[in-house]
Amino acid sequence: MPRTTTLECPGCPPLRALTFDSLGLIKVIEARGEHGGVPKVVERWGDPHSSNCVLAASIDDSQNDP
């Protein structure tokens, strides 16, 4: 079960995160609102099948020496 936390940050843009589940779906979740709000799935990709699940993921966003 995922955990959520609320962080006070007035003027900050909405929080968006890329996540993976045990059925092989890739999801984008987003929290909007005054106090972060409840995260909601805004986009998903893939076919739900447990044999296609993601076991590990790594996203590198470094600008030098990737």
PDB file of N, CA and C in Angstrom:
ATOM      1  N   MET A   1       0.847  -1.173   0.000  1.00  0.00           N
ATOM      2  CA  MET A   1       0.000   0.000   0.000  1.00  0.00           C
ATOM      3  C   MET A   1       0.892   1.237   0.000  1.00  0.00           C
ATOM      4  N   PRO A   2       0.727   2.132  -0.983  1.00  0.00           N
ATOM      5  CA  PRO A   2       1.546   3.342  -1.027  1.00  0.00           C
ATOM      6  C   PRO A   2       1.220   4.288   0.120  1.00  0.00           C
ATOM      7  N   ARG A   3       2.212   5.040   0.527  1.00  0.00           N
ATOM      8  CA  ARG A   3       2.030   6.039   1.578  1.00  0.00           C
ATOM      9  C   ARG A   3       2.063   7.425   0.958  1.00  0.00           C
ATOM     10  N   THR A   4       1.288   8.327   1.502  1.00  0.00           N
ATOM     11  CA  THR A   4       1.311   9.710   1.031  1.00  0.00           C
ATOM     12  C   THR A   4       1.598  10.625   2.214  1.00  0.00           C
ATOM     13  N   THR A   5       2.255  11.728   1.941  1.00  0.00           N
ATOM     14  CA  THR A   5       2.510  12.734   2.962  1.00  0.00           C
ATOM     15  C   THR A   5       2.147  14.097   2.396  1.00  0.00           C
ATOM     16  N   THR A   6       1.871  15.029   3.257  1.00  0.00           N
ATOM     17  CA  THR A   6       1.545  16.394   2.848  1.00  0.00           C
ATOM     18  C   THR A   6       2.691  17.307   3.253  1.00  0.00           C
ATOM     19  N   LEU A   7       3.116  18.148   2.338  1.00  0.00           N
ATOM     20  CA  LEU A   7       4.215  19.076   2.576  1.00  0.00           C
ATOM     21  C   LEU A   7       3.717  20.485   2.278  1.00  0.00           C
ATOM     22  N   GLU A   8       3.875  21.375   3.237  1.00  0.00           N
ATOM     23  CA  GLU A   8       3.457  22.762   3.048  1.00  0.00           C
ATOM     24  C   GLU A   8       4.483  23.484   2.178  1.00  0.00           C
ATOM     25  N   CYS A   9       4.062  23.950   1.008  1.00  0.00           N
ATOM     26  CA  CYS A   9       4.963  24.652   0.101  1.00  0.00           C
ATOM     27  C   CYS A   9       4.140  25.620  -0.747  1.00  0.00           C
ATOM     28  N   PRO A  10       3.765  26.784  -0.189  1.00  0.00           N
ATOM     29  CA  PRO A  10       2.938  27.729  -0.932  1.00  0.00           C
ATOM     30  C   PRO A  10       3.624  28.183  -2.219  1.00  0.00           C
ATOM     31  N   GLY A  11       2.872  28.200  -3.293  1.00  0.00           N
ATOM     32  CA  GLY A  11       3.397  28.650  -4.571  1.00  0.00           C
ATOM     33  C   GLY A  11       4.110  27.584  -5.376  1.00  0.00           C
ATOM     34  N   CYS A  12       4.248  26.379  -4.826  1.00  0.00           N
ATOM     35  CA  CYS A  12       4.916  25.296  -5.557  1.00  0.00           C
ATOM     36  C   CYS A  12       3.967  24.700  -6.595  1.00  0.00           C
ATOM     37  N   PRO A  13       4.508  24.206  -7.710  1.00  0.00           N
ATOM     38  CA  PRO A  13       3.661  23.568  -8.720  1.00  0.00           C
ATOM     39  C   PRO A  13       3.134  22.227  -8.212  1.00  0.00           C
ATOM     40  N   PRO A  14       2.140  21.657  -8.893  1.00  0.00           N
ATOM     41  CA  PRO A  14       1.612  20.356  -8.485  1.00  0.00           C
ATOM     42  C   PRO A  14       2.708  19.289  -8.528  1.00  0.00           C
ATOM     43  N   LEU A  15       2.581  18.295  -7.682  1.00  0.00           N
ATOM     44  CA  LEU A  15       3.541  17.199  -7.643  1.00  0.00           C
ATOM     45  C   LEU A  15       3.120  16.127  -8.637  1.00  0.00           C
ATOM     46  N   ARG A  16       4.067  15.681  -9.472  1.00  0.00           N
ATOM     47  CA  ARG A  16       3.809  14.630 -10.443  1.00  0.00           C
ATOM     48  C   ARG A  16       4.870  13.552 -10.276  1.00  0.00           C
ATOM     49  N   ALA A  17       4.471  12.281 -10.304  1.00  0.00           N
ATOM     50  CA  ALA A  17       5.421  11.182 -10.131  1.00  0.00           C
ATOM     51  C   ALA A  17       5.088  10.044 -11.085  1.00  0.00           C
ATOM     52  N   LEU A  18       6.133   9.349 -11.517  1.00  0.00           N
ATOM     53  CA  LEU A  18       5.991   8.176 -12.365  1.00  0.00           C
ATOM     54  C   LEU A  18       6.083   6.958 -11.461  1.00  0.00           C
ATOM     55  N   THR A  19       5.148   6.023 -11.598  1.00  0.00           N
ATOM     56  CA  THR A  19       5.131   4.849 -10.736  1.00  0.00           C
ATOM     57  C   THR A  19       4.817   3.602 -11.551  1.00  0.00           C
ATOM     58  N   PHE A  20       5.124   2.463 -11.004  1.00  0.00           N
ATOM     59  CA  PHE A  20       4.924   1.180 -11.665  1.00  0.00           C
ATOM     60  C   PHE A  20       4.159   0.275 -10.718  1.00  0.00           C
ATOM     61  N   ASP A  21       3.354  -0.640 -11.262  1.00  0.00           N
ATOM     62  CA  ASP A  21       2.635  -1.550 -10.381  1.00  0.00           C
ATOM     63  C   ASP A  21       2.918  -3.006 -10.742  1.00  0.00           C
ATOM     64  N   SER A  22       2.353  -3.919  -9.953  1.00  0.00           N
ATOM     65  CA  SER A  22       2.634  -5.348 -10.115  1.00  0.00           C
ATOM     66  C   SER A  22       1.960  -5.957 -11.336  1.00  0.00           C
ATOM     67  N   LEU A  23       1.080  -5.230 -11.996  1.00  0.00           N
ATOM     68  CA  LEU A  23       0.423  -5.748 -13.201  1.00  0.00           C
ATOM     69  C   LEU A  23       1.089  -5.263 -14.480  1.00  0.00           C
ATOM     70  N   GLY A  24       2.212  -4.583 -14.368  1.00  0.00           N
ATOM     71  CA  GLY A  24       2.936  -4.132 -15.544  1.00  0.00           C
ATOM     72  C   GLY A  24       2.502  -2.789 -16.082  1.00  0.00           C
ATOM     73  N   LEU A  25       1.647  -2.081 -15.368  1.00  0.00           N
ATOM     74  CA  LEU A  25       1.199  -0.765 -15.822  1.00  0.00           C
ATOM     75  C   LEU A  25       2.163   0.318 -15.347  1.00  0.00           C
ATOM     76  N   ILE A  26       2.440   1.268 -16.208  1.00  0.00           N
ATOM     77  CA  ILE A  26       3.219   2.448 -15.853  1.00  0.00           C
ATOM     78  C   ILE A  26       2.206   3.569 -15.663  1.00  0.00           C
ATOM     79  N   LYS A  27       2.279   4.281 -14.535  1.00  0.00           N
ATOM     80  CA  LYS A  27       1.278   5.297 -14.217  1.00  0.00           C
ATOM     81  C   LYS A  27       1.937   6.620 -13.863  1.00  0.00           C
ATOM     82  N   VAL A  28       1.255   7.699 -14.209  1.00  0.00           N
ATOM     83  CA  VAL A  28       1.642   9.036 -13.760  1.00  0.00           C
ATOM     84  C   VAL A  28       0.602   9.446 -12.733  1.00  0.00           C
ATOM     85  N   ILE A  29       1.062   9.764 -11.525  1.00  0.00           N
ATOM     86  CA  ILE A  29       0.138  10.243 -10.500  1.00  0.00           C
ATOM     87  C   ILE A  29       0.431  11.716 -10.244  1.00  0.00           C
ATOM     88  N   GLU A  30      -0.604  12.450  -9.900  1.00  0.00           N
ATOM     89  CA  GLU A  30      -0.466  13.891  -9.696  1.00  0.00           C
ATOM     90  C   GLU A  30      -1.270  14.315  -8.485  1.00  0.00           C
ATOM     91  N   ALA A  31      -0.687  15.196  -7.679  1.00  0.00           N
ATOM     92  CA  ALA A  31      -1.384  15.772  -6.532  1.00  0.00           C
ATOM     93  C   ALA A  31      -1.534  17.262  -6.785  1.00  0.00           C
ATOM     94  N   ARG A  32      -2.757  17.741  -6.786  1.00  0.00           N
ATOM     95  CA  ARG A  32      -3.045  19.163  -6.970  1.00  0.00           C
ATOM     96  C   ARG A  32      -3.867  19.643  -5.791  1.00  0.00           C
ATOM     97  N   GLY A  33      -4.003  20.924  -5.698  1.00  0.00           N
ATOM     98  CA  GLY A  33      -4.876  21.470  -4.671  1.00  0.00           C
ATOM     99  C   GLY A  33      -4.123  22.314  -3.661  1.00  0.00           C
ATOM    100  N   GLU A  34      -4.871  22.844  -2.723  1.00  0.00           N
ATOM    101  CA  GLU A  34      -4.336  23.752  -1.721  1.00  0.00           C
ATOM    102  C   GLU A  34      -3.273  23.096  -0.840  1.00  0.00           C
ATOM    103  N   HIS A  35      -3.517  21.887  -0.376  1.00  0.00           N
ATOM    104  CA  HIS A  35      -2.580  21.200   0.521  1.00  0.00           C
ATOM    105  C   HIS A  35      -2.105  19.891  -0.087  1.00  0.00           C
ATOM    106  N   GLY A  36      -1.819  19.888  -1.371  1.00  0.00           N
ATOM    107  CA  GLY A  36      -1.353  18.671  -2.033  1.00  0.00           C
ATOM    108  C   GLY A  36      -2.490  17.832  -2.563  1.00  0.00           C
ATOM    109  N   GLY A  37      -3.551  17.712  -1.811  1.00  0.00           N
ATOM    110  CA  GLY A  37      -4.689  16.926  -2.255  1.00  0.00           C
ATOM    111  C   GLY A  37      -4.375  15.442  -2.299  1.00  0.00           C
ATOM    112  N   VAL A  38      -5.358  14.667  -2.665  1.00  0.00           N
ATOM    113  CA  VAL A  38      -5.187  13.224  -2.788  1.00  0.00           C
ATOM    114  C   VAL A  38      -4.581  12.934  -4.152  1.00  0.00           C
ATOM    115  N   PRO A  39      -3.475  12.164  -4.208  1.00  0.00           N
ATOM    116  CA  PRO A  39      -2.878  11.839  -5.510  1.00  0.00           C
ATOM    117  C   PRO A  39      -3.850  11.049  -6.376  1.00  0.00           C
ATOM    118  N   LYS A  40      -3.900  11.382  -7.659  1.00  0.00           N
ATOM    119  CA  LYS A  40      -4.782  10.695  -8.604  1.00  0.00           C
ATOM    120  C   LYS A  40      -3.976  10.254  -9.813  1.00  0.00           C
ATOM    121  N   VAL A  41      -4.361   9.130 -10.402  1.00  0.00           N
ATOM    122  CA  VAL A  41      -3.721   8.651 -11.623  1.00  0.00           C
ATOM    123  C   VAL A  41      -4.220   9.516 -12.772  1.00  0.00           C
ATOM    124  N   VAL A  42      -3.293  10.165 -13.498  1.00  0.00           N
ATOM    125  CA  VAL A  42      -3.684  11.029 -14.607  1.00  0.00           C
ATOM    126  C   VAL A  42      -3.375  10.401 -15.964  1.00  0.00           C
ATOM    127  N   GLU A  43      -2.538   9.367 -15.992  1.00  0.00           N
ATOM    128  CA  GLU A  43      -2.202   8.686 -17.245  1.00  0.00           C
ATOM    129  C   GLU A  43      -1.683   7.304 -16.918  1.00  0.00           C
ATOM    130  N   ARG A  44      -1.931   6.329 -17.808  1.00  0.00           N
ATOM    131  CA  ARG A  44      -1.379   4.988 -17.624  1.00  0.00           C
ATOM    132  C   ARG A  44      -1.075   4.362 -18.963  1.00  0.00           C
ATOM    133  N   TRP A  45      -0.070   3.486 -18.973  1.00  0.00           N
ATOM    134  CA  TRP A  45       0.330   2.785 -20.186  1.00  0.00           C
ATOM    135  C   TRP A  45       0.489   1.307 -19.879  1.00  0.00           C
ATOM    136  N   GLY A  46       0.300   0.486 -20.901  1.00  0.00           N
ATOM    137  CA  GLY A  46       0.540  -0.953 -20.773  1.00  0.00           C
ATOM    138  C   GLY A  46      -0.747  -1.741 -20.660  1.00  0.00           C
ATOM    139  N   ASP A  47      -0.605  -3.047 -20.810  1.00  0.00           N
ATOM    140  CA  ASP A  47      -1.726  -3.973 -20.650  1.00  0.00           C
ATOM    141  C   ASP A  47      -1.593  -4.651 -19.296  1.00  0.00           C
ATOM    142  N   PRO A  48      -2.679  -4.709 -18.513  1.00  0.00           N
ATOM    143  CA  PRO A  48      -2.584  -5.322 -17.191  1.00  0.00           C
ATOM    144  C   PRO A  48      -2.403  -6.837 -17.279  1.00  0.00           C
ATOM    145  N   HIS A  49      -1.183  -7.295 -17.041  1.00  0.00           N
ATOM    146  CA  HIS A  49      -0.887  -8.725 -17.030  1.00  0.00           C
ATOM    147  C   HIS A  49       0.308  -8.932 -16.111  1.00  0.00           C
ATOM    148  N   SER A  50       0.178  -9.813 -15.133  1.00  0.00           N
ATOM    149  CA  SER A  50       1.222  -9.963 -14.117  1.00  0.00           C
ATOM    150  C   SER A  50       2.550 -10.462 -14.676  1.00  0.00           C
ATOM    151  N   SER A  51       2.559 -11.129 -15.837  1.00  0.00           N
ATOM    152  CA  SER A  51       3.832 -11.593 -16.400  1.00  0.00           C
ATOM    153  C   SER A  51       4.645 -10.432 -16.975  1.00  0.00           C
ATOM    154  N   ASN A  52       4.037  -9.266 -17.134  1.00  0.00           N
ATOM    155  CA  ASN A  52       4.727  -8.085 -17.657  1.00  0.00           C
ATOM    156  C   ASN A  52       5.120  -7.103 -16.562  1.00  0.00           C
ATOM    157  N   CYS A  53       5.096  -7.528 -15.314  1.00  0.00           N
ATOM    158  CA  CYS A  53       5.328  -6.590 -14.213  1.00  0.00           C
ATOM    159  C   CYS A  53       6.740  -6.015 -14.255  1.00  0.00           C
ATOM    160  N   VAL A  54       6.882  -4.836 -13.698  1.00  0.00           N
ATOM    161  CA  VAL A  54       8.175  -4.168 -13.615  1.00  0.00           C
ATOM    162  C   VAL A  54       8.813  -4.580 -12.291  1.00  0.00           C
ATOM    163  N   LEU A  55       9.987  -5.228 -12.369  1.00  0.00           N
ATOM    164  CA  LEU A  55      10.668  -5.665 -11.151  1.00  0.00           C
ATOM    165  C   LEU A  55      11.584  -4.581 -10.591  1.00  0.00           C
ATOM    166  N   ALA A  56      12.147  -3.767 -11.468  1.00  0.00           N
ATOM    167  CA  ALA A  56      13.023  -2.680 -11.028  1.00  0.00           C
ATOM    168  C   ALA A  56      12.983  -1.573 -12.068  1.00  0.00           C
ATOM    169  N   ALA A  57      13.141  -0.351 -11.632  1.00  0.00           N
ATOM    170  CA  ALA A  57      13.144   0.788 -12.552  1.00  0.00           C
ATOM    171  C   ALA A  57      14.166   1.805 -12.072  1.00  0.00           C
ATOM    172  N   SER A  58      14.798   2.459 -13.029  1.00  0.00           N
ATOM    173  CA  SER A  58      15.763   3.500 -12.708  1.00  0.00           C
ATOM    174  C   SER A  58      15.578   4.635 -13.707  1.00  0.00           C
ATOM    175  N   ILE A  59      15.421   5.838 -13.206  1.00  0.00           N
ATOM    176  CA  ILE A  59      15.254   7.000 -14.067  1.00  0.00           C
ATOM    177  C   ILE A  59      16.388   7.966 -13.743  1.00  0.00           C
ATOM    178  N   ASP A  60      17.229   8.232 -14.738  1.00  0.00           N
ATOM    179  CA  ASP A  60      18.393   9.096 -14.551  1.00  0.00           C
ATOM    180  C   ASP A  60      18.122  10.438 -15.218  1.00  0.00           C
ATOM    181  N   ASP A  61      18.116  11.494 -14.431  1.00  0.00           N
ATOM    182  CA  ASP A  61      17.865  12.815 -15.001  1.00  0.00           C
ATOM    183  C   ASP A  61      19.066  13.746 -14.832  1.00  0.00           C
ATOM    184  N   SER A  62      20.247  13.178 -14.593  1.00  0.00           N
ATOM    185  CA  SER A  62      21.429  14.031 -14.437  1.00  0.00           C
ATOM    186  C   SER A  62      21.803  14.656 -15.775  1.00  0.00           C
ATOM    187  N   GLN A  63      22.263  15.876 -15.742  1.00  0.00           N
ATOM    188  CA  GLN A  63      22.572  16.599 -16.972  1.00  0.00           C
ATOM    189  C   GLN A  63      23.998  16.370 -17.443  1.00  0.00           C
ATOM    190  N   ASN A  64      24.857  15.907 -16.557  1.00  0.00           N
ATOM    191  CA  ASN A  64      26.218  15.602 -16.989  1.00  0.00           C
ATOM    192  C   ASN A  64      26.605  14.206 -16.505  1.00  0.00           C
ATOM    193  N   ASP A  65      27.341  13.486 -17.305  1.00  0.00           N
ATOM    194  CA  ASP A  65      27.798  12.137 -16.996  1.00  0.00           C
ATOM    195  C   ASP A  65      26.633  11.209 -16.636  1.00  0.00           C
ATOM    196  N   PRO A  66      25.676  11.044 -17.561  1.00  0.00           N
ATOM    197  CA  PRO A  66      24.495  10.219 -17.251  1.00  0.00           C
ATOM    198  C   PRO A  66      24.797   8.758 -17.046  1.00  0.00           C
TER     199      PRO A  66
END
